[in-house]
Amino acid sequence: MFDNTLTMVDLFAGAGGLSEGLSEAGFHSLFASEIMPVYAETYKKNHPSAKVVTADIRSLDANAIREELGLERGALDLLAGGPPCQGFSINAPIRSVLDQRNHLFKEYLRFVDAFAPRAILIENVPGLVSFENGATLHAILDSLAELGYGADVRILGAAYYGVPQMRWRTIILGLRGKSLPPLAFPEPIYRAPVRPNFTTTFDGQLLVKMPSPEASVRFTTVQEAIGDLPQLKCGERGELIKSYATAPTCDYQRRARLGSAGVYNHEAPRLSKENQARLKYIKPGGNWTNIPDDLLPKGMQRARKSDHTKRYGRVTPDGLASTILTKCDPHWGAYFHYNQDRSFTVREAARIQSFPDHFIFTGSQVQQFAQVGNAVPPLLAESVGLALKSILREGK
């Protein structure tokens, strides 16, 4: 354990985006649980001092883990976690209480009961707020209250905290034995052209944290995020560790390079001949409507020009990226590079998610993309962690 460092446990940890950001804020991960072996391997590689268990959380004895870590009940500073959220997502085909993933919140609450941490953090998709007309969110907050936690919820836009993409996350924070102060959720510091496309109120309260009129810092652009990475042709792999193309040109790039030995996970995905042909017609800011009809998939030929505006999109260098998904597949979003005729690499997706370059992803390229897309942007997690740390330090 490090001096002057707050302790944390991360459940449903994935590759470790949430832990990465919280560690930057001053939290030291003691333990992480993740069911996917390749995700757990990435977490271990990047958080070597944490005990990482690859298992279904339903099989874990929370009290035994606490005792193994040498913690008294109530000693842990933060229990963080992001239970699988696909069942709650507003984009999910079926949003049902029958989806077993939706009941994994109960496992998180079981760990809260066993550890009695000073603070809790739950992250999820914005669709959690409207799921079952808010009944699930009410149940979570009520369950936390029964365990002695004053909890509240907000929806945070990642772009407002310096992340160069259109991504939103629902954040639930709670403190043991006390109400959550208003400043527990970080204030947005960047102005960005993003608008919510989901339910933004809960019990009459506006949940989305918006920048104040005084916030004057411009959002981070795609080019600022990835413009210093080496150029690649479509399908080019190159050396395992590559050299940067330029010196850093902005603070975002300088921050990304801290502790880095070079550029990892930067291999260009192969595109089909059809997609390579389509790409030639798309300029930065363009999309599938720029592609001749005879080159479009049959289904897209029948689509209205006003629909699916991100599909087969080429990002603009001075704008925000689309939300990074588990597949940077051009059919589903604007994942074509702004001045190279290819789609994003894993490293570019990771940069857009605000992962530092020293964070290395394991597994196949497909698995790496999934890890990046499922992660909480570390820069957003750091902002939440800094606000929470300030409250916890005052309480000591």
Protein backbone atom coordinates (compact mmCIF):
# COMPACT_ATOMS: atom_id res chain seq x y z
CA MET A 1 0.00 0.00 0.00
CA PHE A 2 1.29 3.45 -0.93
CA ASP A 3 1.58 6.30 1.55
CA ASN A 4 -1.00 9.06 1.29
CA THR A 5 -3.05 7.00 -1.18
CA LEU A 6 -6.69 6.01 -0.96
CA THR A 7 -7.59 2.36 -1.45
CA MET A 8 -10.11 0.94 -3.88
CA VAL A 9 -11.61 -2.31 -5.18
CA ASP A 10 -12.89 -2.54 -8.77
CA LEU A 11 -15.67 -5.01 -9.64
CA PHE A 12 -16.68 -5.86 -13.23
CA ALA A 13 -13.33 -4.23 -13.92
CA GLY A 14 -12.96 -4.93 -17.64
CA ALA A 15 -9.57 -3.93 -19.00
CA GLY A 16 -9.22 -1.29 -16.29
CA GLY A 17 -10.27 2.08 -17.72
CA LEU A 18 -12.10 3.07 -14.56
CA SER A 19 -9.18 1.98 -12.38
CA GLU A 20 -6.70 3.78 -14.64
CA GLY A 21 -8.48 7.09 -14.19
CA LEU A 22 -9.06 6.60 -10.47
CA SER A 23 -5.39 5.71 -9.98
CA GLU A 24 -4.44 8.99 -11.67
CA ALA A 25 -6.70 10.70 -9.12
CA GLY A 26 -4.89 9.02 -6.21
CA PHE A 27 -6.70 5.73 -5.61
CA HIS A 28 -4.67 2.52 -5.37
CA SER A 29 -6.40 -0.63 -6.63
CA LEU A 30 -6.07 -3.52 -4.18
CA PHE A 31 -8.35 -6.01 -5.95
CA ALA A 32 -10.22 -6.39 -9.22
CA SER A 33 -12.77 -8.93 -10.43
CA GLU A 34 -13.40 -9.61 -14.12
CA ILE A 35 -15.07 -12.59 -15.79
CA MET A 36 -13.40 -12.30 -19.22
CA PRO A 37 -9.87 -13.80 -19.13
CA VAL A 38 -8.35 -11.53 -21.80
CA TYR A 39 -9.79 -8.42 -20.12
CA ALA A 40 -8.37 -9.60 -16.78
CA GLU A 41 -4.98 -10.18 -18.42
CA THR A 42 -4.94 -6.59 -19.66
CA TYR A 43 -5.90 -5.36 -16.20
CA LYS A 44 -3.07 -7.37 -14.61
CA LYS A 45 -0.54 -6.05 -17.12
CA ASN A 46 -1.43 -2.45 -16.35
CA HIS A 47 -2.17 -2.74 -12.62
CA PRO A 48 0.49 -5.23 -11.50
CA SER A 49 0.18 -4.51 -7.77
CA ALA A 50 -3.55 -5.36 -7.65
CA LYS A 51 -4.85 -8.86 -7.00
CA VAL A 52 -6.91 -9.74 -10.08
CA VAL A 53 -9.39 -12.62 -10.01
CA THR A 54 -10.90 -14.01 -13.21
CA ALA A 55 -14.28 -15.38 -12.14
CA ASP A 56 -18.03 -14.98 -12.21
CA ILE A 57 -18.67 -12.54 -9.37
CA ARG A 58 -21.55 -14.72 -8.16
CA SER A 59 -19.00 -17.35 -7.17
CA LEU A 60 -16.87 -15.01 -5.03
CA ASP A 61 -16.98 -14.80 -1.23
CA ALA A 62 -16.83 -11.05 -0.53
CA ASN A 63 -15.96 -11.40 3.16
CA ALA A 64 -13.18 -13.88 2.43
CA ILE A 65 -11.69 -11.46 -0.13
CA ARG A 66 -11.83 -8.61 2.39
CA GLU A 67 -10.05 -10.73 5.00
CA GLU A 68 -7.44 -11.86 2.47
CA LEU A 69 -6.71 -8.20 1.70
CA GLY A 70 -6.24 -7.57 5.42
CA LEU A 71 -9.05 -5.03 5.62
CA GLU A 72 -11.39 -4.47 8.52
CA ARG A 73 -14.99 -3.81 7.57
CA GLY A 74 -15.24 -0.07 6.93
CA ALA A 75 -11.53 0.42 6.14
CA LEU A 76 -11.76 0.43 2.32
CA ASP A 77 -12.00 3.93 0.86
CA LEU A 78 -13.84 3.16 -2.39
CA LEU A 79 -15.74 0.28 -3.96
CA ALA A 80 -16.04 1.00 -7.68
CA GLY A 81 -17.69 -0.99 -10.42
CA GLY A 82 -19.56 -1.08 -13.68
CA PRO A 83 -21.93 -4.06 -13.82
CA PRO A 84 -22.62 -5.13 -17.43
CA CYS A 85 -24.87 -2.50 -18.93
CA GLN A 86 -26.04 -3.92 -22.27
CA GLY A 87 -29.36 -4.93 -20.79
CA PHE A 88 -29.99 -1.33 -19.75
CA SER A 89 -28.73 0.38 -22.90
CA ILE A 90 -31.18 2.53 -24.85
CA ASN A 91 -29.57 0.91 -27.92
CA ALA A 92 -30.16 -2.66 -26.75
CA PRO A 93 -32.64 -4.66 -28.90
CA ILE A 94 -34.55 -5.87 -25.82
CA ARG A 95 -34.49 -4.09 -22.47
CA SER A 96 -35.95 -6.56 -20.05
CA VAL A 97 -35.86 -7.41 -16.36
CA LEU A 98 -35.44 -11.00 -17.59
CA ASP A 99 -31.93 -10.15 -18.83
CA GLN A 100 -29.73 -11.81 -16.19
CA ARG A 101 -27.08 -9.13 -16.60
CA ASN A 102 -29.50 -6.66 -15.02
CA HIS A 103 -29.42 -8.55 -11.71
CA LEU A 104 -25.66 -8.34 -11.30
CA PHE A 105 -26.20 -5.08 -9.43
CA LYS A 106 -27.21 -7.28 -6.51
CA GLU A 107 -23.72 -8.79 -6.52
CA TYR A 108 -22.19 -5.34 -6.32
CA LEU A 109 -24.45 -4.54 -3.35
CA ARG A 110 -23.34 -7.78 -1.69
CA PHE A 111 -19.75 -6.50 -1.79
CA VAL A 112 -20.88 -3.13 -0.42
CA ASP A 113 -22.41 -4.96 2.55
CA ALA A 114 -19.27 -7.05 3.12
CA PHE A 115 -16.69 -4.24 2.82
CA ALA A 116 -18.74 -1.26 4.09
CA PRO A 117 -16.47 1.11 2.12
CA ARG A 118 -16.36 4.81 2.88
CA ALA A 119 -17.61 5.57 -0.64
CA ILE A 120 -19.16 3.75 -3.58
CA LEU A 121 -19.05 4.44 -7.31
CA ILE A 122 -21.27 2.73 -9.89
CA GLU A 123 -21.01 3.58 -13.59
CA ASN A 124 -23.45 2.64 -16.31
CA VAL A 125 -25.09 3.81 -19.53
CA PRO A 126 -27.58 6.72 -19.64
CA GLY A 127 -30.33 4.20 -20.43
CA LEU A 128 -30.21 3.03 -16.82
CA VAL A 129 -32.19 6.14 -15.84
CA SER A 130 -35.21 5.30 -18.00
CA PHE A 131 -35.02 1.49 -17.70
CA GLU A 132 -38.32 0.13 -16.34
CA ASN A 133 -39.43 3.79 -16.02
CA GLY A 134 -36.77 4.44 -13.42
CA ALA A 135 -37.71 1.50 -11.18
CA THR A 136 -34.25 -0.10 -11.40
CA LEU A 137 -32.46 3.13 -10.46
CA HIS A 138 -34.88 3.65 -7.57
CA ALA A 139 -34.15 0.10 -6.38
CA ILE A 140 -30.39 0.72 -6.50
CA LEU A 141 -30.61 3.98 -4.54
CA ASP A 142 -33.04 2.45 -2.03
CA SER A 143 -30.76 -0.56 -1.55
CA LEU A 144 -27.77 1.70 -0.95
CA ALA A 145 -29.81 3.69 1.58
CA GLU A 146 -30.68 0.47 3.42
CA LEU A 147 -26.95 -0.25 3.62
CA GLY A 148 -26.36 3.21 5.12
CA TYR A 149 -25.26 5.19 2.06
CA GLY A 150 -26.40 8.61 0.97
CA ALA A 151 -26.27 8.30 -2.81
CA ASP A 152 -27.11 10.38 -5.85
CA VAL A 153 -26.83 10.11 -9.61
CA ARG A 154 -25.69 12.30 -12.52
CA ILE A 155 -25.08 11.80 -16.24
CA LEU A 156 -21.68 13.09 -17.33
CA GLY A 157 -20.62 13.95 -20.88
CA ALA A 158 -17.05 12.74 -21.45
CA ALA A 159 -16.31 15.60 -23.85
CA TYR A 160 -16.93 18.09 -21.02
CA TYR A 161 -13.92 16.59 -19.21
CA GLY A 162 -11.48 16.60 -22.13
CA VAL A 163 -12.30 13.26 -23.79
CA PRO A 164 -12.47 13.78 -27.60
CA GLN A 165 -15.68 11.87 -28.29
CA MET A 166 -19.46 11.97 -27.93
CA ARG A 167 -19.86 9.66 -24.93
CA TRP A 168 -22.12 9.83 -21.88
CA ARG A 169 -22.00 7.82 -18.65
CA THR A 170 -24.37 7.53 -15.71
CA ILE A 171 -22.44 7.85 -12.44
CA ILE A 172 -23.84 6.91 -9.03
CA LEU A 173 -21.83 8.06 -6.01
CA GLY A 174 -22.53 7.37 -2.36
CA LEU A 175 -20.99 8.04 1.05
CA ARG A 176 -21.35 5.81 4.09
CA GLY A 177 -23.38 7.40 6.87
CA LYS A 178 -23.84 10.81 5.28
CA SER A 179 -25.52 12.65 2.44
CA LEU A 180 -23.61 13.24 -0.76
CA PRO A 181 -22.59 16.92 -1.10
CA PRO A 182 -23.40 18.72 -4.37
CA LEU A 183 -19.71 19.04 -5.29
CA ALA A 184 -19.24 15.25 -5.30
CA PHE A 185 -19.77 15.25 -9.06
CA PRO A 186 -17.06 17.13 -10.99
CA GLU A 187 -17.93 20.37 -12.72
CA PRO A 188 -17.54 20.32 -16.53
CA ILE A 189 -14.58 22.39 -17.65
CA TYR A 190 -14.69 22.03 -21.44
CA ARG A 191 -17.29 23.38 -23.82
CA ALA A 192 -18.27 20.81 -26.45
CA PRO A 193 -20.90 20.44 -29.22
CA VAL A 194 -22.74 17.47 -27.67
CA ARG A 195 -26.45 17.09 -26.96
CA PRO A 196 -28.17 14.36 -24.91
CA ASN A 197 -30.36 11.94 -26.87
CA PHE A 198 -31.74 10.14 -23.81
CA THR A 199 -33.86 10.76 -20.70
CA THR A 200 -32.16 13.53 -18.72
CA THR A 201 -34.42 13.80 -15.64
CA PHE A 202 -35.11 11.54 -12.68
CA ASP A 203 -37.83 12.32 -10.13
CA GLY A 204 -38.01 15.81 -11.59
CA GLN A 205 -34.29 16.47 -11.19
CA LEU A 206 -32.08 17.34 -14.16
CA LEU A 207 -29.23 14.82 -14.17
CA VAL A 208 -26.93 16.08 -16.92
CA LYS A 209 -24.02 18.21 -15.72
CA MET A 210 -23.60 21.03 -18.24
CA PRO A 211 -20.70 23.50 -18.51
CA SER A 212 -21.30 26.87 -16.89
CA PRO A 213 -21.41 29.97 -19.13
CA GLU A 214 -17.96 30.83 -17.75
CA ALA A 215 -16.44 27.57 -19.04
CA SER A 216 -14.26 28.73 -21.91
CA VAL A 217 -11.89 25.80 -22.54
CA ARG A 218 -12.48 24.30 -26.00
CA PHE A 219 -13.05 20.57 -26.33
CA THR A 220 -10.26 18.22 -27.39
CA THR A 221 -10.34 17.48 -31.13
CA VAL A 222 -9.70 14.20 -32.92
CA GLN A 223 -6.51 15.57 -34.46
CA GLU A 224 -5.25 16.70 -31.05
CA ALA A 225 -5.93 13.19 -29.79
CA ILE A 226 -4.26 11.12 -32.54
CA GLY A 227 -2.39 13.48 -34.87
CA ASP A 228 1.08 12.52 -33.60
CA LEU A 229 0.66 8.77 -34.19
CA PRO A 230 2.51 7.14 -37.11
CA GLN A 231 0.78 6.93 -40.47
CA LEU A 232 -0.33 3.51 -41.72
CA LYS A 233 -1.82 2.10 -44.88
CA CYS A 234 -4.98 0.01 -44.75
CA GLY A 235 -4.11 -3.39 -43.28
CA GLU A 236 -0.52 -2.39 -42.40
CA ARG A 237 0.83 -3.86 -39.17
CA GLY A 238 4.46 -2.74 -39.03
CA GLU A 239 6.68 -3.00 -35.96
CA LEU A 240 5.20 -4.04 -32.61
CA ILE A 241 6.46 -0.80 -31.05
CA LYS A 242 6.43 2.20 -33.36
CA SER A 243 8.00 5.64 -33.09
CA TYR A 244 5.84 8.74 -32.85
CA ALA A 245 5.34 10.59 -36.13
CA THR A 246 5.94 14.05 -34.65
CA ALA A 247 6.83 15.77 -31.43
CA PRO A 248 3.74 16.32 -29.27
CA THR A 249 1.75 19.32 -30.51
CA CYS A 250 -0.64 19.81 -27.58
CA ASP A 251 -1.12 19.03 -23.91
CA TYR A 252 -3.35 16.05 -24.68
CA GLN A 253 -0.54 14.35 -26.64
CA ARG A 254 2.05 15.23 -24.01
CA ARG A 255 -0.14 13.71 -21.32
CA ALA A 256 -0.80 10.57 -23.39
CA ARG A 257 2.94 9.95 -23.80
CA LEU A 258 3.89 10.14 -20.11
CA GLY A 259 5.67 6.92 -19.19
CA SER A 260 5.39 5.55 -22.73
CA ALA A 261 8.13 3.51 -24.41
CA GLY A 262 6.56 3.97 -27.86
CA VAL A 263 3.36 3.29 -29.76
CA TYR A 264 1.79 -0.12 -29.05
CA ASN A 265 -1.48 -1.60 -30.39
CA HIS A 266 -1.19 0.49 -33.55
CA GLU A 267 -1.95 -1.80 -36.50
CA ALA A 268 -4.42 -0.83 -39.21
CA PRO A 269 -7.40 -3.20 -39.56
CA ARG A 270 -7.95 -4.79 -42.94
CA LEU A 271 -10.90 -3.41 -44.86
CA SER A 272 -12.84 -5.31 -47.49
CA LYS A 273 -12.38 -4.28 -51.11
CA GLU A 274 -15.93 -2.91 -50.99
CA ASN A 275 -15.16 -0.66 -48.02
CA GLN A 276 -11.90 0.50 -49.55
CA ALA A 277 -13.83 1.49 -52.68
CA ARG A 278 -16.49 3.30 -50.62
CA LEU A 279 -13.89 5.19 -48.59
CA LYS A 280 -12.53 6.97 -51.68
CA TYR A 281 -15.78 8.97 -51.94
CA ILE A 282 -15.92 10.15 -48.33
CA LYS A 283 -14.31 13.43 -47.28
CA PRO A 284 -13.81 14.49 -43.63
CA GLY A 285 -17.25 15.03 -42.14
CA GLY A 286 -18.86 12.91 -44.84
CA ASN A 287 -20.74 9.63 -44.51
CA TRP A 288 -22.58 6.91 -46.44
CA THR A 289 -24.60 9.47 -48.41
CA ASN A 290 -21.43 10.38 -50.32
CA ILE A 291 -21.04 6.81 -51.62
CA PRO A 292 -22.55 5.97 -55.06
CA ASP A 293 -25.69 3.84 -54.68
CA ASP A 294 -24.23 0.91 -56.59
CA LEU A 295 -21.43 0.62 -54.00
CA LEU A 296 -23.75 0.67 -50.98
CA PRO A 297 -25.00 -2.45 -49.18
CA LYS A 298 -28.50 -3.37 -50.39
CA GLY A 299 -30.13 -2.29 -47.12
CA MET A 300 -28.46 1.13 -47.22
CA GLN A 301 -29.62 1.71 -50.81
CA ARG A 302 -33.18 1.83 -49.47
CA ALA A 303 -32.39 4.07 -46.48
CA ARG A 304 -33.37 7.72 -46.27
CA LYS A 305 -30.46 10.12 -46.70
CA SER A 306 -31.29 11.71 -43.32
CA ASP A 307 -30.89 8.39 -41.43
CA HIS A 308 -27.77 6.69 -40.06
CA THR A 309 -25.70 9.87 -40.42
CA LYS A 310 -22.61 8.36 -38.76
CA ARG A 311 -22.40 5.19 -40.87
CA TYR A 312 -19.36 5.01 -43.11
CA GLY A 313 -18.34 8.36 -41.67
CA ARG A 314 -14.93 9.96 -41.91
CA VAL A 315 -14.19 12.04 -38.83
CA THR A 316 -13.29 15.71 -39.09
CA PRO A 317 -9.87 16.54 -37.62
CA ASP A 318 -11.21 19.56 -35.72
CA GLY A 319 -14.31 17.83 -34.32
CA LEU A 320 -15.26 15.13 -31.84
CA ALA A 321 -15.21 11.43 -32.65
CA SER A 322 -18.27 9.21 -32.52
CA THR A 323 -18.67 7.13 -29.40
CA ILE A 324 -16.01 4.42 -29.52
CA LEU A 325 -17.85 1.09 -29.63
CA THR A 326 -16.60 -2.45 -29.15
CA LYS A 327 -16.10 -2.66 -32.91
CA CYS A 328 -14.78 0.32 -34.86
CA ASP A 329 -16.73 -1.03 -37.83
CA PRO A 330 -17.40 1.67 -40.46
CA HIS A 331 -20.87 0.22 -41.02
CA TRP A 332 -21.87 1.38 -37.53
CA GLY A 333 -20.14 4.73 -37.11
CA ALA A 334 -17.65 7.37 -38.18
CA TYR A 335 -14.47 5.35 -37.78
CA PHE A 336 -12.59 6.29 -40.94
CA HIS A 337 -9.41 8.31 -40.31
CA TYR A 338 -9.64 11.95 -41.38
CA ASN A 339 -6.66 11.91 -43.80
CA GLN A 340 -5.61 8.26 -44.11
CA ASP A 341 -7.65 5.79 -46.16
CA ARG A 342 -8.31 3.30 -43.38
CA SER A 343 -10.27 2.83 -40.17
CA PHE A 344 -8.99 3.55 -36.66
CA THR A 345 -6.37 1.38 -34.99
CA VAL A 346 -6.75 0.10 -31.42
CA ARG A 347 -4.30 2.77 -30.22
CA GLU A 348 -6.25 5.52 -31.95
CA ALA A 349 -9.46 4.26 -30.38
CA ALA A 350 -7.67 4.12 -27.02
CA ARG A 351 -6.37 7.68 -27.44
CA ILE A 352 -9.92 8.83 -28.24
CA GLN A 353 -11.01 7.06 -25.06
CA SER A 354 -8.18 8.97 -23.24
CA PHE A 355 -6.07 5.92 -22.34
CA PRO A 356 -2.38 6.78 -21.88
CA ASP A 357 0.06 5.20 -24.32
CA HIS A 358 1.75 3.15 -21.58
CA PHE A 359 -1.54 1.23 -21.19
CA ILE A 360 -1.07 -1.94 -23.27
CA PHE A 361 -3.97 -4.10 -24.48
CA THR A 362 -3.62 -7.89 -24.74
CA GLY A 363 -5.39 -10.47 -26.91
CA SER A 364 -6.37 -10.40 -30.57
CA GLN A 365 -7.14 -7.15 -32.39
CA VAL A 366 -10.86 -7.91 -32.15
CA GLN A 367 -10.53 -8.48 -28.40
CA GLN A 368 -8.50 -5.29 -27.98
CA PHE A 369 -11.16 -3.20 -29.73
CA ALA A 370 -13.80 -4.73 -27.45
CA GLN A 371 -11.76 -3.86 -24.36
CA VAL A 372 -11.32 -0.26 -25.46
CA GLY A 373 -14.98 0.17 -26.43
CA ASN A 374 -16.30 -1.27 -23.17
CA ALA A 375 -14.07 0.91 -21.00
CA VAL A 376 -14.83 4.02 -18.99
CA PRO A 377 -12.70 6.86 -20.39
CA PRO A 378 -9.85 7.25 -17.87
CA LEU A 379 -9.92 11.05 -18.09
CA LEU A 380 -13.60 11.05 -17.10
CA ALA A 381 -12.89 8.57 -14.29
CA GLU A 382 -10.02 10.76 -13.06
CA SER A 383 -12.31 13.81 -12.86
CA VAL A 384 -14.82 11.84 -10.79
CA GLY A 385 -12.02 10.45 -8.64
CA LEU A 386 -10.52 13.86 -7.90
CA ALA A 387 -13.88 15.23 -6.75
CA LEU A 388 -14.49 12.16 -4.61
CA LYS A 389 -10.96 12.24 -3.15
CA SER A 390 -11.45 15.82 -1.98
CA ILE A 391 -14.56 14.79 -0.03
CA LEU A 392 -12.93 11.70 1.47
CA ARG A 393 -9.85 13.62 2.56
CA GLU A 394 -12.04 16.20 4.31
CA GLY A 395 -13.81 13.39 6.14
CA LYS A 396 -10.63 11.89 7.62
